[in-house]
């Protein structure tokens, strides 16, 4: 049985919004898991037309604006404050914030994702040990220079209990593909983002009182 393009588009849209609701309300962090659970809930387990991650991301942004407009800005501010604090602590490794905390779709169940850069594979590990920071270590598969490599990865627990994932890449990776402000932001950019958001909230409150 074939589906008309309009029906396929409608199904993708419905699945994207259901997946977004599951991420926002049920704490499902993995987009693939959210999409497949949404398909089961909507009786479309066999569909070949699951939405893309970008479609889910857009639906999640809309969901937070519509249904979490009172609580979400404060949660996002807390996540970004925590990210900035950690970035400043790890400033020697030129940290970049990436993921949903940067994009603005992160919520109370979201983690913080940072990229660090060092040609010394043990430098970050020694820094964490020296500063007596509790962490779990693992590895991460990354694509660098057209090939897949395994790089060190560490997970810290922030002061508020938020997991902070650190991926350590070689220095030359810092100068390739990290200039787009929508996908990567350094310390100064994150600080300005927080400041700008604070100004916007103060202006909004002032208008309400007028």
C-alpha atoms as a PDB file:
ATOM      1  CA  UNK A   1       0.000   0.000   0.000  1.00  0.00           C
ATOM      2  CA  UNK A   2       1.390   3.366  -1.025  1.00  0.00           C
ATOM      3  CA  UNK A   3       0.780   6.678   0.687  1.00  0.00           C
ATOM      4  CA  UNK A   4       0.224   9.937  -1.088  1.00  0.00           C
ATOM      5  CA  UNK A   5       2.864  12.636  -0.507  1.00  0.00           C
ATOM      6  CA  UNK A   6       0.389  14.732   1.501  1.00  0.00           C
ATOM      7  CA  UNK A   7      -0.398  11.785   3.790  1.00  0.00           C
ATOM      8  CA  UNK A   8       3.291  11.054   4.267  1.00  0.00           C
ATOM      9  CA  UNK A   9       4.016  14.678   5.139  1.00  0.00           C
ATOM     10  CA  UNK A  10       1.119  14.757   7.596  1.00  0.00           C
ATOM     11  CA  UNK A  11       2.317  11.545   9.246  1.00  0.00           C
ATOM     12  CA  UNK A  12       5.869  12.884   9.566  1.00  0.00           C
ATOM     13  CA  UNK A  13       4.545  16.077  11.132  1.00  0.00           C
ATOM     14  CA  UNK A  14       2.363  14.190  13.614  1.00  0.00           C
ATOM     15  CA  UNK A  15       5.241  11.908  14.559  1.00  0.00           C
ATOM     16  CA  UNK A  16       7.619  14.858  14.970  1.00  0.00           C
ATOM     17  CA  UNK A  17       5.242  16.631  17.357  1.00  0.00           C
ATOM     18  CA  UNK A  18       4.522  13.458  19.342  1.00  0.00           C
ATOM     19  CA  UNK A  19       8.252  12.749  19.627  1.00  0.00           C
ATOM     20  CA  UNK A  20       8.816  16.339  20.757  1.00  0.00           C
ATOM     21  CA  UNK A  21       6.163  15.947  23.458  1.00  0.00           C
ATOM     22  CA  UNK A  22       7.852  12.759  24.690  1.00  0.00           C
ATOM     23  CA  UNK A  23      11.211  14.522  24.860  1.00  0.00           C
ATOM     24  CA  UNK A  24       9.771  17.546  26.642  1.00  0.00           C
ATOM     25  CA  UNK A  25       7.470  15.776  29.088  1.00  0.00           C
ATOM     26  CA  UNK A  26       8.701  12.193  29.480  1.00  0.00           C
ATOM     27  CA  UNK A  27      12.412  12.897  29.556  1.00  0.00           C
ATOM     28  CA  UNK A  28      13.367  10.768  26.544  1.00  0.00           C
ATOM     29  CA  UNK A  29      16.715  12.210  25.536  1.00  0.00           C
ATOM     30  CA  UNK A  30      17.432  10.111  22.455  1.00  0.00           C
ATOM     31  CA  UNK A  31      15.668  11.387  19.336  1.00  0.00           C
ATOM     32  CA  UNK A  32      15.591   7.964  17.677  1.00  0.00           C
ATOM     33  CA  UNK A  33      13.935   6.376  20.714  1.00  0.00           C
ATOM     34  CA  UNK A  34      11.405   9.228  20.893  1.00  0.00           C
ATOM     35  CA  UNK A  35      10.523   8.840  17.213  1.00  0.00           C
ATOM     36  CA  UNK A  36      10.001   5.090  17.437  1.00  0.00           C
ATOM     37  CA  UNK A  37       7.933   5.387  20.614  1.00  0.00           C
ATOM     38  CA  UNK A  38       5.848   8.111  18.972  1.00  0.00           C
ATOM     39  CA  UNK A  39       5.265   5.793  16.005  1.00  0.00           C
ATOM     40  CA  UNK A  40       4.062   3.037  18.337  1.00  0.00           C
ATOM     41  CA  UNK A  41       1.757   5.396  20.192  1.00  0.00           C
ATOM     42  CA  UNK A  42       0.220   6.660  16.950  1.00  0.00           C
ATOM     43  CA  UNK A  43      -0.212   3.156  15.542  1.00  0.00           C
ATOM     44  CA  UNK A  44       2.386   3.671  12.837  1.00  0.00           C
ATOM     45  CA  UNK A  45       5.061   1.196  13.913  1.00  0.00           C
ATOM     46  CA  UNK A  46       5.702   0.051  10.340  1.00  0.00           C
ATOM     47  CA  UNK A  47       5.980   3.514   8.819  1.00  0.00           C
ATOM     48  CA  UNK A  48       8.959   4.210   6.578  1.00  0.00           C
ATOM     49  CA  UNK A  49       8.457   7.939   6.968  1.00  0.00           C
ATOM     50  CA  UNK A  50       9.869   8.839  10.365  1.00  0.00           C
ATOM     51  CA  UNK A  51      10.689  12.544  10.738  1.00  0.00           C
ATOM     52  CA  UNK A  52      14.294  13.722  10.651  1.00  0.00           C
ATOM     53  CA  UNK A  53      16.070  14.903  13.798  1.00  0.00           C
ATOM     54  CA  UNK A  54      15.781  18.457  12.475  1.00  0.00           C
ATOM     55  CA  UNK A  55      12.003  18.100  12.136  1.00  0.00           C
ATOM     56  CA  UNK A  56      11.780  16.846  15.723  1.00  0.00           C
ATOM     57  CA  UNK A  57      14.043  19.687  16.877  1.00  0.00           C
ATOM     58  CA  UNK A  58      11.754  22.248  15.214  1.00  0.00           C
ATOM     59  CA  UNK A  59       8.683  20.619  16.745  1.00  0.00           C
ATOM     60  CA  UNK A  60      10.384  20.608  20.154  1.00  0.00           C
ATOM     61  CA  UNK A  61      11.141  24.310  19.875  1.00  0.00           C
ATOM     62  CA  UNK A  62       7.476  24.993  19.037  1.00  0.00           C
ATOM     63  CA  UNK A  63       6.298  22.793  21.908  1.00  0.00           C
ATOM     64  CA  UNK A  64       8.421  24.616  24.462  1.00  0.00           C
ATOM     65  CA  UNK A  65       7.261  28.015  23.189  1.00  0.00           C
ATOM     66  CA  UNK A  66       3.603  26.997  23.336  1.00  0.00           C
ATOM     67  CA  UNK A  67       3.423  24.880  26.482  1.00  0.00           C
ATOM     68  CA  UNK A  68       6.519  25.679  28.548  1.00  0.00           C
ATOM     69  CA  UNK A  69       6.957  29.402  27.916  1.00  0.00           C
ATOM     70  CA  UNK A  70       6.853  30.192  31.651  1.00  0.00           C
ATOM     71  CA  UNK A  71       9.270  27.520  32.909  1.00  0.00           C
ATOM     72  CA  UNK A  72      11.576  26.871  29.973  1.00  0.00           C
ATOM     73  CA  UNK A  73      13.582  30.151  29.939  1.00  0.00           C
ATOM     74  CA  UNK A  74      14.648  29.639  33.564  1.00  0.00           C
ATOM     75  CA  UNK A  75      15.616  26.007  32.941  1.00  0.00           C
ATOM     76  CA  UNK A  76      17.606  26.962  29.854  1.00  0.00           C
ATOM     77  CA  UNK A  77      19.321  29.777  31.746  1.00  0.00           C
ATOM     78  CA  UNK A  78      20.344  27.336  34.497  1.00  0.00           C
ATOM     79  CA  UNK A  79      21.772  24.893  31.963  1.00  0.00           C
ATOM     80  CA  UNK A  80      23.729  27.621  30.181  1.00  0.00           C
ATOM     81  CA  UNK A  81      24.997  29.063  33.474  1.00  0.00           C
ATOM     82  CA  UNK A  82      26.220  25.607  34.460  1.00  0.00           C
ATOM     83  CA  UNK A  83      27.829  25.119  31.055  1.00  0.00           C
ATOM     84  CA  UNK A  84      29.594  28.479  31.242  1.00  0.00           C
ATOM     85  CA  UNK A  85      30.916  27.756  34.735  1.00  0.00           C
ATOM     86  CA  UNK A  86      32.372  24.465  33.563  1.00  0.00           C
ATOM     87  CA  UNK A  87      33.784  26.037  30.393  1.00  0.00           C
ATOM     88  CA  UNK A  88      35.594  28.664  32.428  1.00  0.00           C
ATOM     89  CA  UNK A  89      37.037  25.983  34.651  1.00  0.00           C
ATOM     90  CA  UNK A  90      38.265  24.136  31.545  1.00  0.00           C
ATOM     91  CA  UNK A  91      39.354  27.278  29.674  1.00  0.00           C
ATOM     92  CA  UNK A  92      42.847  25.859  29.032  1.00  0.00           C
ATOM     93  CA  UNK A  93      41.261  23.378  26.616  1.00  0.00           C
ATOM     94  CA  UNK A  94      39.349  25.957  24.500  1.00  0.00           C
ATOM     95  CA  UNK A  95      35.881  24.544  25.272  1.00  0.00           C
ATOM     96  CA  UNK A  96      32.927  24.877  22.927  1.00  0.00           C
ATOM     97  CA  UNK A  97      29.291  24.377  23.891  1.00  0.00           C
ATOM     98  CA  UNK A  98      27.243  22.333  21.448  1.00  0.00           C
ATOM     99  CA  UNK A  99      23.940  20.467  21.357  1.00  0.00           C
ATOM    100  CA  UNK A 100      20.482  21.354  22.639  1.00  0.00           C
ATOM    101  CA  UNK A 101      21.689  23.682  25.422  1.00  0.00           C
ATOM    102  CA  UNK A 102      23.245  25.899  22.774  1.00  0.00           C
ATOM    103  CA  UNK A 103      20.346  25.595  20.327  1.00  0.00           C
ATOM    104  CA  UNK A 104      17.840  26.522  23.024  1.00  0.00           C
ATOM    105  CA  UNK A 105      15.676  23.391  22.936  1.00  0.00           C
ATOM    106  CA  UNK A 106      17.152  21.784  26.073  1.00  0.00           C
ATOM    107  CA  UNK A 107      14.876  21.156  29.035  1.00  0.00           C
ATOM    108  CA  UNK A 108      14.973  19.782  32.557  1.00  0.00           C
ATOM    109  CA  UNK A 109      16.015  16.316  31.359  1.00  0.00           C
ATOM    110  CA  UNK A 110      18.798  17.515  29.068  1.00  0.00           C
ATOM    111  CA  UNK A 111      22.545  17.047  29.425  1.00  0.00           C
ATOM    112  CA  UNK A 112      25.283  19.580  28.680  1.00  0.00           C
ATOM    113  CA  UNK A 113      27.699  18.774  25.857  1.00  0.00           C
ATOM    114  CA  UNK A 114      31.142  20.352  25.583  1.00  0.00           C
ATOM    115  CA  UNK A 115      33.988  19.874  23.133  1.00  0.00           C
ATOM    116  CA  UNK A 116      37.548  20.259  24.444  1.00  0.00           C
ATOM    117  CA  UNK A 117      40.774  20.378  22.440  1.00  0.00           C
ATOM    118  CA  UNK A 118      44.209  19.009  23.267  1.00  0.00           C
ATOM    119  CA  UNK A 119      46.897  17.074  21.425  1.00  0.00           C
ATOM    120  CA  UNK A 120      47.844  15.458  24.732  1.00  0.00           C
ATOM    121  CA  UNK A 121      45.338  12.663  25.172  1.00  0.00           C
ATOM    122  CA  UNK A 122      45.902  12.558  28.941  1.00  0.00           C
ATOM    123  CA  UNK A 123      45.903  16.310  29.612  1.00  0.00           C
ATOM    124  CA  UNK A 124      42.183  16.570  30.369  1.00  0.00           C
ATOM    125  CA  UNK A 125      42.261  13.409  32.463  1.00  0.00           C
ATOM    126  CA  UNK A 126      45.151  14.762  34.549  1.00  0.00           C
ATOM    127  CA  UNK A 127      43.330  18.090  34.963  1.00  0.00           C
ATOM    128  CA  UNK A 128      40.198  16.350  36.262  1.00  0.00           C
ATOM    129  CA  UNK A 129      42.235  14.248  38.678  1.00  0.00           C
ATOM    130  CA  UNK A 130      44.312  17.195  39.877  1.00  0.00           C
ATOM    131  CA  UNK A 131      41.192  19.237  40.610  1.00  0.00           C
ATOM    132  CA  UNK A 132      39.501  16.246  42.282  1.00  0.00           C
ATOM    133  CA  UNK A 133      36.516  16.345  39.963  1.00  0.00           C
ATOM    134  CA  UNK A 134      34.399  13.202  39.979  1.00  0.00           C
ATOM    135  CA  UNK A 135      33.862  11.756  36.516  1.00  0.00           C
ATOM    136  CA  UNK A 136      33.164   8.666  34.457  1.00  0.00           C
ATOM    137  CA  UNK A 137      35.427   8.016  31.496  1.00  0.00           C
ATOM    138  CA  UNK A 138      34.622   6.371  28.190  1.00  0.00           C
ATOM    139  CA  UNK A 139      35.327   6.792  24.478  1.00  0.00           C
ATOM    140  CA  UNK A 140      33.557   8.568  21.643  1.00  0.00           C
ATOM    141  CA  UNK A 141      33.533   7.844  17.931  1.00  0.00           C
ATOM    142  CA  UNK A 142      34.239  10.989  15.929  1.00  0.00           C
ATOM    143  CA  UNK A 143      34.818  11.676  12.252  1.00  0.00           C
ATOM    144  CA  UNK A 144      38.012  13.667  11.695  1.00  0.00           C
ATOM    145  CA  UNK A 145      39.787  14.293   8.420  1.00  0.00           C
ATOM    146  CA  UNK A 146      37.437  11.990   6.558  1.00  0.00           C
ATOM    147  CA  UNK A 147      37.974   9.013   8.848  1.00  0.00           C
ATOM    148  CA  UNK A 148      36.442   7.725  12.055  1.00  0.00           C
ATOM    149  CA  UNK A 149      38.589   7.829  15.166  1.00  0.00           C
ATOM    150  CA  UNK A 150      38.090   7.083  18.855  1.00  0.00           C
ATOM    151  CA  UNK A 151      38.606  10.011  21.228  1.00  0.00           C
ATOM    152  CA  UNK A 152      38.459  10.310  25.038  1.00  0.00           C
ATOM    153  CA  UNK A 153      35.134  11.210  26.631  1.00  0.00           C
ATOM    154  CA  UNK A 154      34.351  12.123  30.233  1.00  0.00           C
ATOM    155  CA  UNK A 155      31.095  12.764  32.070  1.00  0.00           C
ATOM    156  CA  UNK A 156      31.015  15.094  35.058  1.00  0.00           C
ATOM    157  CA  UNK A 157      28.116  15.880  37.349  1.00  0.00           C
ATOM    158  CA  UNK A 158      27.457  19.589  37.713  1.00  0.00           C
ATOM    159  CA  UNK A 159      26.637  21.340  40.979  1.00  0.00           C
ATOM    160  CA  UNK A 160      22.932  20.962  40.267  1.00  0.00           C
ATOM    161  CA  UNK A 161      23.256  17.290  39.292  1.00  0.00           C
ATOM    162  CA  UNK A 162      23.206  17.922  35.544  1.00  0.00           C
ATOM    163  CA  UNK A 163      25.450  15.536  33.557  1.00  0.00           C
ATOM    164  CA  UNK A 164      28.164  17.349  31.600  1.00  0.00           C
ATOM    165  CA  UNK A 165      29.681  15.370  28.729  1.00  0.00           C
ATOM    166  CA  UNK A 166      33.198  16.258  27.611  1.00  0.00           C
ATOM    167  CA  UNK A 167      34.627  15.083  24.295  1.00  0.00           C
ATOM    168  CA  UNK A 168      38.362  15.640  23.785  1.00  0.00           C
ATOM    169  CA  UNK A 169      39.453  16.329  20.206  1.00  0.00           C
ATOM    170  CA  UNK A 170      42.895  17.143  18.767  1.00  0.00           C
ATOM    171  CA  UNK A 171      43.831  20.809  18.361  1.00  0.00           C
ATOM    172  CA  UNK A 172      43.559  20.816  14.562  1.00  0.00           C
ATOM    173  CA  UNK A 173      39.865  19.893  14.847  1.00  0.00           C
ATOM    174  CA  UNK A 174      39.219  23.254  16.505  1.00  0.00           C
ATOM    175  CA  UNK A 175      39.827  25.090  13.250  1.00  0.00           C
ATOM    176  CA  UNK A 176      37.591  22.969  11.060  1.00  0.00           C
ATOM    177  CA  UNK A 177      33.820  23.322  11.142  1.00  0.00           C
ATOM    178  CA  UNK A 178      33.545  25.116  14.483  1.00  0.00           C
ATOM    179  CA  UNK A 179      32.834  28.618  13.249  1.00  0.00           C
ATOM    180  CA  UNK A 180      29.060  28.363  12.921  1.00  0.00           C
ATOM    181  CA  UNK A 181      27.424  30.117  15.911  1.00  0.00           C
ATOM    182  CA  UNK A 182      24.312  27.934  15.718  1.00  0.00           C
ATOM    183  CA  UNK A 183      26.261  24.725  16.329  1.00  0.00           C
ATOM    184  CA  UNK A 184      29.316  25.721  18.405  1.00  0.00           C
ATOM    185  CA  UNK A 185      29.965  28.533  20.880  1.00  0.00           C
ATOM    186  CA  UNK A 186      33.039  29.415  22.919  1.00  0.00           C
ATOM    187  CA  UNK A 187      33.161  31.014  26.355  1.00  0.00           C
ATOM    188  CA  UNK A 188      32.629  34.602  25.172  1.00  0.00           C
ATOM    189  CA  UNK A 189      29.712  33.630  22.934  1.00  0.00           C
ATOM    190  CA  UNK A 190      27.948  31.668  25.686  1.00  0.00           C
ATOM    191  CA  UNK A 191      28.442  34.519  28.173  1.00  0.00           C
ATOM    192  CA  UNK A 192      26.935  36.988  25.691  1.00  0.00           C
ATOM    193  CA  UNK A 193      24.041  34.625  24.996  1.00  0.00           C
ATOM    194  CA  UNK A 194      23.220  34.499  28.715  1.00  0.00           C
ATOM    195  CA  UNK A 195      23.558  38.267  29.064  1.00  0.00           C
ATOM    196  CA  UNK A 196      21.333  38.946  26.053  1.00  0.00           C
ATOM    197  CA  UNK A 197      18.694  36.522  27.325  1.00  0.00           C
ATOM    198  CA  UNK A 198      18.758  38.235  30.730  1.00  0.00           C
ATOM    199  CA  UNK A 199      18.245  41.633  29.132  1.00  0.00           C
ATOM    200  CA  UNK A 200      15.338  40.272  27.124  1.00  0.00           C
ATOM    201  CA  UNK A 201      13.665  38.848  30.223  1.00  0.00           C
ATOM    202  CA  UNK A 202      14.109  42.120  32.119  1.00  0.00           C
ATOM    203  CA  UNK A 203      12.592  44.070  29.219  1.00  0.00           C
ATOM    204  CA  UNK A 204       9.665  41.659  29.139  1.00  0.00           C
ATOM    205  CA  UNK A 205       9.034  42.056  32.859  1.00  0.00           C
ATOM    206  CA  UNK A 206       9.245  45.840  32.570  1.00  0.00           C
ATOM    207  CA  UNK A 207       6.593  45.835  29.832  1.00  0.00           C
ATOM    208  CA  UNK A 208       4.295  43.716  31.989  1.00  0.00           C
ATOM    209  CA  UNK A 209       4.525  46.276  34.803  1.00  0.00           C
ATOM    210  CA  UNK A 210       3.831  49.278  32.543  1.00  0.00           C
END
